Amino acid sequence: MNLDDTLFEQLRQEAEKSPRLRSHHNLHNSYDDPVQRLLIAFRKGTYVRPHYHLQPNKWEMMLVLRGIVRVLLFDREGAVQQCCELSQQRPLTGLDIVPGTYHTIFPLTDEAIVLEVKEGPYTPAVREDFATWAPAEGDRGVARYLEWMEEAGVGDVYC
């Protein structure tokens, strides 16, 4: 499979039509594959609730292919531990996230495409994986939380 402009445009259009403002394209064949590889297209305004993966093999590697994204890493109480802006035009293009780290990702540009690689098999998120200190997807406070995350720095906690 080619990772080219045609595929990226298809993903961009799907994300634009999606209520969640993002779309996924799996490069792996099965959710049982030992390595999960997927493209994620993000549109400005999408919300990925901060979450973590407690299983010791559930690391995640993200590499930006288009646009600019911001990744925030949090401690267990919701304090920002690290802020990263990833882009092909900036010094940092990718990030490896260790298991047990609360994290979120969102685009700073109108759209962005990320390659995500993680160890399989796929395990769906459960309620306990999501940060209780961040609004749930669809909650009224999401827009305000997204605004806060765009400006948040190391040590900041959402009020």
Foldseek 3Di string as FASTA:
>chain_A
DDPDPVVVVVQQVVLVPDPQSKDKDWPDDDLADQKTKMKMKHFAPHWDFWFFAAPQQWKKKKFWDDAKKWKFWADLQAFTADIDIADPPDPHGMDIGGGPITMIMHGPDRMTMMMMMGGDNDDDDDPVGGRPLTDDPPDPCSVVVVVCVVPDDGGDGDD
